[in-house]
Amino acid sequence: MPTTDRAVSAVRAALDAAGHKLSELLVFRLNHDAEHLVVRYNPLSSDTWDLEEDHHTGYTKTLHHAGWTSAVDLGALVFIPEVPAPATAPQRFIAAWRIAIDDVDNAQQAADEARGRQLDPGITESMWTVTDAVGRTRTVHCFDPDLS
């Protein structure tokens, strides 16, 4: 059944791309205002509860790999909390720069060290975590432009 909910469509596409049978899955919001998604295994014939749990573990791993890092495997279902509303503009991305800071005593020192590195023209940190409008995240490595 086609849907205009980009988050639901993106989850179904990720599962389909990994080879899961979409005919065995329900991917939905409880209502149009819900801020989370549910993925439910719905086989035509399931004889054991263990089979359902195994499938949900597999679906959760697939969704984590596809960037849905908030996917939680609850055994009987996969729950993806805090998915942006469908009205979110598809062109909107949030990019976060991350750097590991070692050998400091507190958060303020870590922040000061990170800020110093960010401002140092001799240091290039090129790893970004980019989150799209439906909440999928990707790690992106940027290459510096040739400024010569």
N, C-alpha and C. Protein backbone atom coordinates (compact mmCIF):
# COMPACT_ATOMS: atom_id res chain seq x y z
N MET A 1 0.84 -1.17 0.00
CA MET A 1 0.00 0.00 0.00
C MET A 1 0.89 1.25 0.00
N PRO A 2 0.76 2.15 -0.95
CA PRO A 2 1.60 3.34 -1.00
C PRO A 2 1.32 4.26 0.17
N THR A 3 2.36 4.98 0.58
CA THR A 3 2.21 5.90 1.69
C THR A 3 2.91 7.21 1.35
N THR A 4 2.40 8.30 1.89
CA THR A 4 3.05 9.60 1.69
C THR A 4 3.92 9.94 2.89
N ASP A 5 3.97 9.08 3.90
CA ASP A 5 4.79 9.29 5.08
C ASP A 5 6.23 8.90 4.72
N ARG A 6 7.11 9.92 4.60
CA ARG A 6 8.48 9.65 4.16
C ARG A 6 9.23 8.74 5.12
N ALA A 7 8.99 8.85 6.42
CA ALA A 7 9.69 8.00 7.37
C ALA A 7 9.28 6.54 7.19
N VAL A 8 7.99 6.27 7.06
CA VAL A 8 7.52 4.91 6.83
C VAL A 8 8.09 4.37 5.52
N SER A 9 8.05 5.19 4.47
CA SER A 9 8.58 4.78 3.17
C SER A 9 10.08 4.48 3.24
N ALA A 10 10.82 5.31 3.98
CA ALA A 10 12.26 5.11 4.10
C ALA A 10 12.58 3.82 4.85
N VAL A 11 11.84 3.52 5.91
CA VAL A 11 12.06 2.29 6.66
C VAL A 11 11.74 1.08 5.78
N ARG A 12 10.63 1.13 5.06
CA ARG A 12 10.28 0.02 4.17
C ARG A 12 11.34 -0.16 3.08
N ALA A 13 11.86 0.95 2.53
CA ALA A 13 12.90 0.86 1.50
C ALA A 13 14.17 0.24 2.06
N ALA A 14 14.54 0.60 3.29
CA ALA A 14 15.75 0.03 3.90
C ALA A 14 15.59 -1.47 4.12
N LEU A 15 14.44 -1.88 4.58
CA LEU A 15 14.19 -3.32 4.80
C LEU A 15 14.16 -4.08 3.48
N ASP A 16 13.51 -3.48 2.46
CA ASP A 16 13.44 -4.11 1.14
C ASP A 16 14.84 -4.25 0.53
N ALA A 17 15.66 -3.21 0.66
CA ALA A 17 17.01 -3.24 0.10
C ALA A 17 17.87 -4.32 0.76
N ALA A 18 17.56 -4.66 2.01
CA ALA A 18 18.31 -5.69 2.72
C ALA A 18 17.76 -7.09 2.46
N GLY A 19 16.73 -7.19 1.63
CA GLY A 19 16.20 -8.49 1.25
C GLY A 19 15.08 -9.03 2.11
N HIS A 20 14.54 -8.21 3.01
CA HIS A 20 13.41 -8.66 3.81
C HIS A 20 12.13 -8.63 2.97
N LYS A 21 11.23 -9.54 3.25
CA LYS A 21 9.97 -9.61 2.50
C LYS A 21 8.98 -8.59 3.05
N LEU A 22 8.70 -7.57 2.26
CA LEU A 22 7.79 -6.52 2.74
C LEU A 22 6.38 -7.04 2.97
N SER A 23 6.01 -8.12 2.30
CA SER A 23 4.68 -8.68 2.50
C SER A 23 4.51 -9.24 3.91
N GLU A 24 5.62 -9.46 4.63
CA GLU A 24 5.56 -9.99 5.99
C GLU A 24 5.67 -8.89 7.04
N LEU A 25 5.71 -7.63 6.60
CA LEU A 25 5.96 -6.54 7.54
C LEU A 25 4.83 -5.53 7.59
N LEU A 26 4.61 -5.00 8.77
CA LEU A 26 3.76 -3.83 8.94
C LEU A 26 4.67 -2.71 9.45
N VAL A 27 4.74 -1.60 8.75
CA VAL A 27 5.51 -0.44 9.18
C VAL A 27 4.51 0.71 9.27
N PHE A 28 4.33 1.26 10.46
CA PHE A 28 3.25 2.22 10.63
C PHE A 28 3.48 3.14 11.82
N ARG A 29 2.68 4.22 11.85
CA ARG A 29 2.51 5.06 13.04
C ARG A 29 1.16 4.68 13.64
N LEU A 30 1.04 4.81 14.93
CA LEU A 30 -0.24 4.48 15.56
C LEU A 30 -1.34 5.42 15.10
N ASN A 31 -0.98 6.69 14.81
CA ASN A 31 -1.90 7.63 14.20
C ASN A 31 -1.06 8.68 13.50
N HIS A 32 -1.65 9.57 12.74
CA HIS A 32 -0.88 10.51 11.93
C HIS A 32 -0.09 11.51 12.76
N ASP A 33 -0.42 11.66 14.06
CA ASP A 33 0.33 12.56 14.93
C ASP A 33 1.42 11.87 15.74
N ALA A 34 1.52 10.55 15.62
CA ALA A 34 2.50 9.81 16.42
C ALA A 34 3.92 10.23 16.06
N GLU A 35 4.77 10.30 17.07
CA GLU A 35 6.14 10.73 16.86
C GLU A 35 7.10 9.54 16.79
N HIS A 36 6.57 8.35 16.55
CA HIS A 36 7.42 7.17 16.44
C HIS A 36 6.83 6.22 15.40
N LEU A 37 7.64 5.28 14.98
CA LEU A 37 7.21 4.25 14.03
C LEU A 37 7.28 2.89 14.70
N VAL A 38 6.47 1.97 14.21
CA VAL A 38 6.48 0.60 14.68
C VAL A 38 6.70 -0.31 13.47
N VAL A 39 7.60 -1.29 13.62
CA VAL A 39 7.79 -2.31 12.60
C VAL A 39 7.35 -3.62 13.23
N ARG A 40 6.40 -4.28 12.62
CA ARG A 40 5.83 -5.51 13.18
C ARG A 40 5.94 -6.63 12.18
N TYR A 41 6.44 -7.77 12.62
CA TYR A 41 6.51 -8.95 11.77
C TYR A 41 5.12 -9.55 11.67
N ASN A 42 4.64 -9.75 10.45
CA ASN A 42 3.27 -10.23 10.25
C ASN A 42 3.26 -11.34 9.19
N PRO A 43 3.82 -12.51 9.54
CA PRO A 43 3.89 -13.58 8.54
C PRO A 43 2.52 -14.18 8.26
N LEU A 44 2.42 -14.79 7.10
CA LEU A 44 1.16 -15.47 6.77
C LEU A 44 0.97 -16.68 7.66
N SER A 45 2.08 -17.31 8.05
CA SER A 45 1.97 -18.45 8.96
C SER A 45 3.21 -18.51 9.84
N SER A 46 3.02 -18.25 11.11
CA SER A 46 4.12 -18.32 12.06
C SER A 46 3.73 -19.29 13.16
N ASP A 47 4.55 -20.33 13.31
CA ASP A 47 4.22 -21.36 14.30
C ASP A 47 4.84 -21.09 15.67
N THR A 48 5.88 -20.25 15.70
CA THR A 48 6.56 -20.07 16.98
C THR A 48 6.81 -18.60 17.28
N TRP A 49 6.75 -18.28 18.56
CA TRP A 49 7.07 -16.93 19.02
C TRP A 49 8.55 -16.63 18.76
N ASP A 50 9.41 -17.65 18.92
CA ASP A 50 10.85 -17.46 18.69
C ASP A 50 11.12 -16.95 17.29
N LEU A 51 10.36 -17.43 16.31
CA LEU A 51 10.54 -16.99 14.93
C LEU A 51 10.29 -15.48 14.84
N GLU A 52 9.25 -15.01 15.50
CA GLU A 52 8.96 -13.57 15.48
C GLU A 52 10.11 -12.79 16.10
N GLU A 53 10.60 -13.25 17.26
CA GLU A 53 11.69 -12.55 17.93
C GLU A 53 12.94 -12.53 17.07
N ASP A 54 13.26 -13.65 16.43
CA ASP A 54 14.44 -13.71 15.55
C ASP A 54 14.31 -12.71 14.41
N HIS A 55 13.13 -12.66 13.81
CA HIS A 55 12.91 -11.72 12.70
C HIS A 55 13.09 -10.28 13.18
N HIS A 56 12.55 -9.95 14.33
CA HIS A 56 12.65 -8.57 14.80
C HIS A 56 14.09 -8.18 15.13
N THR A 57 14.87 -9.13 15.62
CA THR A 57 16.29 -8.86 15.84
C THR A 57 16.96 -8.54 14.51
N GLY A 58 16.63 -9.31 13.47
CA GLY A 58 17.19 -9.06 12.15
C GLY A 58 16.75 -7.72 11.58
N TYR A 59 15.48 -7.36 11.76
CA TYR A 59 14.98 -6.08 11.26
C TYR A 59 15.67 -4.93 11.98
N THR A 60 15.86 -5.08 13.29
CA THR A 60 16.52 -4.03 14.06
C THR A 60 17.94 -3.82 13.56
N LYS A 61 18.68 -4.91 13.35
CA LYS A 61 20.05 -4.80 12.84
C LYS A 61 20.07 -4.13 11.47
N THR A 62 19.13 -4.49 10.61
CA THR A 62 19.04 -3.87 9.29
C THR A 62 18.81 -2.37 9.41
N LEU A 63 17.88 -1.97 10.28
CA LEU A 63 17.56 -0.56 10.43
C LEU A 63 18.71 0.22 11.05
N HIS A 64 19.43 -0.38 11.99
CA HIS A 64 20.63 0.27 12.53
C HIS A 64 21.64 0.49 11.41
N HIS A 65 21.84 -0.53 10.59
CA HIS A 65 22.81 -0.43 9.50
C HIS A 65 22.39 0.63 8.49
N ALA A 66 21.08 0.81 8.31
CA ALA A 66 20.56 1.80 7.35
C ALA A 66 20.51 3.21 7.94
N GLY A 67 20.97 3.38 9.17
CA GLY A 67 21.02 4.71 9.75
C GLY A 67 19.92 5.03 10.74
N TRP A 68 19.01 4.09 10.98
CA TRP A 68 17.96 4.34 11.97
C TRP A 68 18.51 3.92 13.33
N THR A 69 19.42 4.73 13.86
CA THR A 69 20.15 4.36 15.07
C THR A 69 19.26 4.31 16.30
N SER A 70 18.08 4.89 16.23
CA SER A 70 17.19 4.87 17.40
C SER A 70 16.27 3.65 17.40
N ALA A 71 16.46 2.72 16.46
CA ALA A 71 15.62 1.52 16.42
C ALA A 71 15.87 0.66 17.66
N VAL A 72 14.80 0.25 18.33
CA VAL A 72 14.89 -0.56 19.54
C VAL A 72 14.16 -1.88 19.28
N ASP A 73 14.83 -3.00 19.53
CA ASP A 73 14.21 -4.31 19.36
C ASP A 73 13.55 -4.70 20.67
N LEU A 74 12.24 -4.80 20.67
CA LEU A 74 11.50 -5.18 21.86
C LEU A 74 10.97 -6.60 21.78
N GLY A 75 11.55 -7.42 20.92
CA GLY A 75 11.15 -8.82 20.80
C GLY A 75 9.96 -8.99 19.89
N ALA A 76 8.82 -8.42 20.26
CA ALA A 76 7.62 -8.58 19.46
C ALA A 76 7.49 -7.51 18.38
N LEU A 77 8.32 -6.47 18.48
CA LEU A 77 8.26 -5.40 17.49
C LEU A 77 9.55 -4.62 17.51
N VAL A 78 9.74 -3.82 16.48
CA VAL A 78 10.84 -2.86 16.44
C VAL A 78 10.22 -1.49 16.55
N PHE A 79 10.75 -0.69 17.43
CA PHE A 79 10.18 0.61 17.75
C PHE A 79 11.22 1.67 17.40
N ILE A 80 10.84 2.66 16.61
CA ILE A 80 11.74 3.74 16.24
C ILE A 80 11.18 5.04 16.80
N PRO A 81 11.71 5.49 17.95
CA PRO A 81 11.18 6.71 18.57
C PRO A 81 11.69 7.97 17.90
N GLU A 82 11.01 9.05 18.15
CA GLU A 82 11.43 10.38 17.77
C GLU A 82 11.68 10.55 16.27
N VAL A 83 10.77 10.07 15.46
CA VAL A 83 10.86 10.27 14.02
C VAL A 83 10.20 11.60 13.68
N PRO A 84 10.85 12.47 12.91
CA PRO A 84 10.25 13.76 12.58
C PRO A 84 8.91 13.60 11.87
N ALA A 85 8.06 14.57 12.02
CA ALA A 85 6.74 14.55 11.38
C ALA A 85 6.90 14.54 9.86
N PRO A 86 5.91 13.95 9.13
CA PRO A 86 6.00 13.88 7.68
C PRO A 86 6.12 15.24 7.00
N ALA A 87 5.70 16.31 7.65
CA ALA A 87 5.74 17.63 7.03
C ALA A 87 7.16 18.22 6.99
N THR A 88 8.13 17.55 7.62
CA THR A 88 9.50 18.05 7.63
C THR A 88 10.01 18.15 6.19
N ALA A 89 10.62 19.26 5.86
CA ALA A 89 11.13 19.47 4.51
C ALA A 89 12.21 18.44 4.18
N PRO A 90 12.11 17.77 3.02
CA PRO A 90 13.07 16.73 2.69
C PRO A 90 14.48 17.26 2.44
N GLN A 91 14.63 18.55 2.17
CA GLN A 91 15.94 19.12 1.89
C GLN A 91 16.69 19.46 3.18
N ARG A 92 16.10 19.31 4.33
CA ARG A 92 16.74 19.71 5.57
C ARG A 92 17.61 18.60 6.12
N PHE A 93 18.86 18.95 6.45
CA PHE A 93 19.80 18.03 7.06
C PHE A 93 20.43 18.71 8.27
N ILE A 94 20.82 17.91 9.23
CA ILE A 94 21.56 18.41 10.38
C ILE A 94 22.92 17.74 10.35
N ALA A 95 23.98 18.55 10.30
CA ALA A 95 25.34 18.01 10.27
C ALA A 95 26.03 18.33 11.59
N ALA A 96 26.61 17.31 12.20
CA ALA A 96 27.30 17.49 13.48
C ALA A 96 28.74 17.02 13.34
N TRP A 97 29.67 17.87 13.73
CA TRP A 97 31.09 17.55 13.70
C TRP A 97 31.43 16.86 15.01
N ARG A 98 32.15 15.74 14.93
CA ARG A 98 32.50 15.01 16.14
C ARG A 98 34.00 14.82 16.21
N ILE A 99 34.54 14.92 17.40
CA ILE A 99 35.96 14.71 17.62
C ILE A 99 36.14 14.10 19.01
N ALA A 100 37.04 13.15 19.11
CA ALA A 100 37.33 12.54 20.42
C ALA A 100 38.39 13.37 21.13
N ILE A 101 38.12 13.71 22.38
CA ILE A 101 39.05 14.48 23.20
C ILE A 101 39.47 13.59 24.37
N ASP A 102 40.77 13.32 24.46
CA ASP A 102 41.28 12.47 25.53
C ASP A 102 42.05 13.29 26.55
N ASP A 103 42.22 12.70 27.72
CA ASP A 103 43.06 13.27 28.78
C ASP A 103 42.62 14.65 29.26
N VAL A 104 41.33 14.82 29.48
CA VAL A 104 40.81 16.04 30.10
C VAL A 104 39.99 15.64 31.32
N ASP A 105 39.78 16.59 32.22
CA ASP A 105 39.12 16.28 33.48
C ASP A 105 37.61 16.51 33.49
N ASN A 106 37.11 17.36 32.56
CA ASN A 106 35.67 17.64 32.60
C ASN A 106 35.17 18.08 31.23
N ALA A 107 33.87 18.25 31.13
CA ALA A 107 33.23 18.59 29.86
C ALA A 107 33.68 19.95 29.34
N GLN A 108 33.89 20.90 30.24
CA GLN A 108 34.31 22.24 29.80
C GLN A 108 35.69 22.18 29.14
N GLN A 109 36.60 21.43 29.72
CA GLN A 109 37.93 21.29 29.12
C GLN A 109 37.83 20.60 27.75
N ALA A 110 36.97 19.58 27.65
CA ALA A 110 36.79 18.88 26.37
C ALA A 110 36.24 19.84 25.32
N ALA A 111 35.25 20.66 25.71
CA ALA A 111 34.66 21.62 24.77
C ALA A 111 35.69 22.66 24.35
N ASP A 112 36.48 23.16 25.30
CA ASP A 112 37.50 24.14 24.98
C ASP A 112 38.55 23.57 24.02
N GLU A 113 38.95 22.33 24.27
CA GLU A 113 39.93 21.67 23.39
C GLU A 113 39.35 21.48 21.99
N ALA A 114 38.10 21.03 21.90
CA ALA A 114 37.46 20.83 20.59
C ALA A 114 37.34 22.15 19.84
N ARG A 115 36.94 23.19 20.54
CA ARG A 115 36.81 24.51 19.90
C ARG A 115 38.16 25.01 19.41
N GLY A 116 39.21 24.80 20.19
CA GLY A 116 40.55 25.20 19.76
C GLY A 116 40.98 24.47 18.50
N ARG A 117 40.67 23.16 18.43
CA ARG A 117 41.00 22.40 17.23
C ARG A 117 40.18 22.87 16.03
N GLN A 118 38.92 23.22 16.29
CA GLN A 118 38.05 23.67 15.21
C GLN A 118 38.57 24.96 14.59
N LEU A 119 39.16 25.82 15.40
CA LEU A 119 39.65 27.11 14.92
C LEU A 119 41.08 27.05 14.37
N ASP A 120 41.80 25.96 14.61
CA ASP A 120 43.19 25.84 14.16
C ASP A 120 43.20 25.50 12.67
N PRO A 121 43.70 26.41 11.81
CA PRO A 121 43.69 26.14 10.37
C PRO A 121 44.58 24.97 9.96
N GLY A 122 45.48 24.56 10.85
CA GLY A 122 46.36 23.44 10.53
C GLY A 122 45.74 22.08 10.82
N ILE A 123 44.57 22.06 11.43
CA ILE A 123 43.91 20.80 11.77
C ILE A 123 42.66 20.65 10.92
N THR A 124 42.53 19.51 10.31
CA THR A 124 41.35 19.25 9.50
C THR A 124 40.62 18.03 10.05
N GLU A 125 39.46 18.26 10.60
CA GLU A 125 38.59 17.17 11.02
C GLU A 125 37.51 17.05 9.95
N SER A 126 37.44 15.91 9.30
CA SER A 126 36.58 15.81 8.12
C SER A 126 35.41 14.84 8.28
N MET A 127 35.20 14.30 9.47
CA MET A 127 34.10 13.37 9.67
C MET A 127 32.89 14.10 10.22
N TRP A 128 31.76 13.91 9.56
CA TRP A 128 30.51 14.54 9.96
C TRP A 128 29.44 13.48 10.11
N THR A 129 28.55 13.67 11.06
CA THR A 129 27.36 12.85 11.19
C THR A 129 26.22 13.68 10.63
N VAL A 130 25.57 13.18 9.58
CA VAL A 130 24.51 13.93 8.91
C VAL A 130 23.19 13.18 9.10
N THR A 131 22.19 13.92 9.58
CA THR A 131 20.86 13.35 9.80
C THR A 131 19.90 13.98 8.80
N ASP A 132 19.12 13.13 8.11
CA ASP A 132 18.19 13.66 7.11
C ASP A 132 16.83 13.96 7.72
N ALA A 133 15.91 14.38 6.88
CA ALA A 133 14.60 14.85 7.34
C ALA A 133 13.75 13.77 7.98
N VAL A 134 14.04 12.50 7.69
CA VAL A 134 13.26 11.43 8.31
C VAL A 134 14.03 10.73 9.42
N GLY A 135 15.21 11.26 9.77
CA GLY A 135 15.92 10.75 10.93
C GLY A 135 16.98 9.71 10.66
N ARG A 136 17.29 9.44 9.41
CA ARG A 136 18.37 8.49 9.13
C ARG A 136 19.70 9.22 9.24
N THR A 137 20.69 8.57 9.82
CA THR A 137 22.00 9.20 9.97
C THR A 137 23.03 8.50 9.12
N ARG A 138 24.00 9.27 8.69
CA ARG A 138 25.12 8.75 7.92
C ARG A 138 26.38 9.45 8.41
N THR A 139 27.48 8.73 8.41
CA THR A 139 28.77 9.35 8.66
C THR A 139 29.37 9.70 7.31
N VAL A 140 29.75 10.96 7.16
CA VAL A 140 30.25 11.45 5.88
C VAL A 140 31.67 11.96 6.07
N HIS A 141 32.57 11.54 5.19
CA HIS A 141 33.95 12.03 5.20
C HIS A 141 34.08 13.06 4.08
N CYS A 142 34.41 14.28 4.45
CA CYS A 142 34.53 15.35 3.46
C CYS A 142 36.00 15.51 3.04
N PHE A 143 36.19 15.77 1.79
CA PHE A 143 37.53 16.05 1.29
C PHE A 143 37.67 17.55 1.13
N ASP A 144 38.83 18.06 1.51
CA ASP A 144 39.06 19.50 1.41
C ASP A 144 39.14 19.93 -0.03
N PRO A 145 38.59 21.10 -0.37
CA PRO A 145 38.69 21.59 -1.73
C PRO A 145 40.13 22.04 -2.02
N ASP A 146 40.51 22.00 -3.26
CA ASP A 146 41.83 22.48 -3.67
C ASP A 146 41.77 24.00 -3.74
N LEU A 147 42.42 24.65 -2.79
CA LEU A 147 42.37 26.11 -2.71
C LEU A 147 43.56 26.78 -3.38
N SER A 148 44.36 25.99 -4.11
CA SER A 148 45.55 26.59 -4.77
C SER A 148 45.19 27.44 -5.97
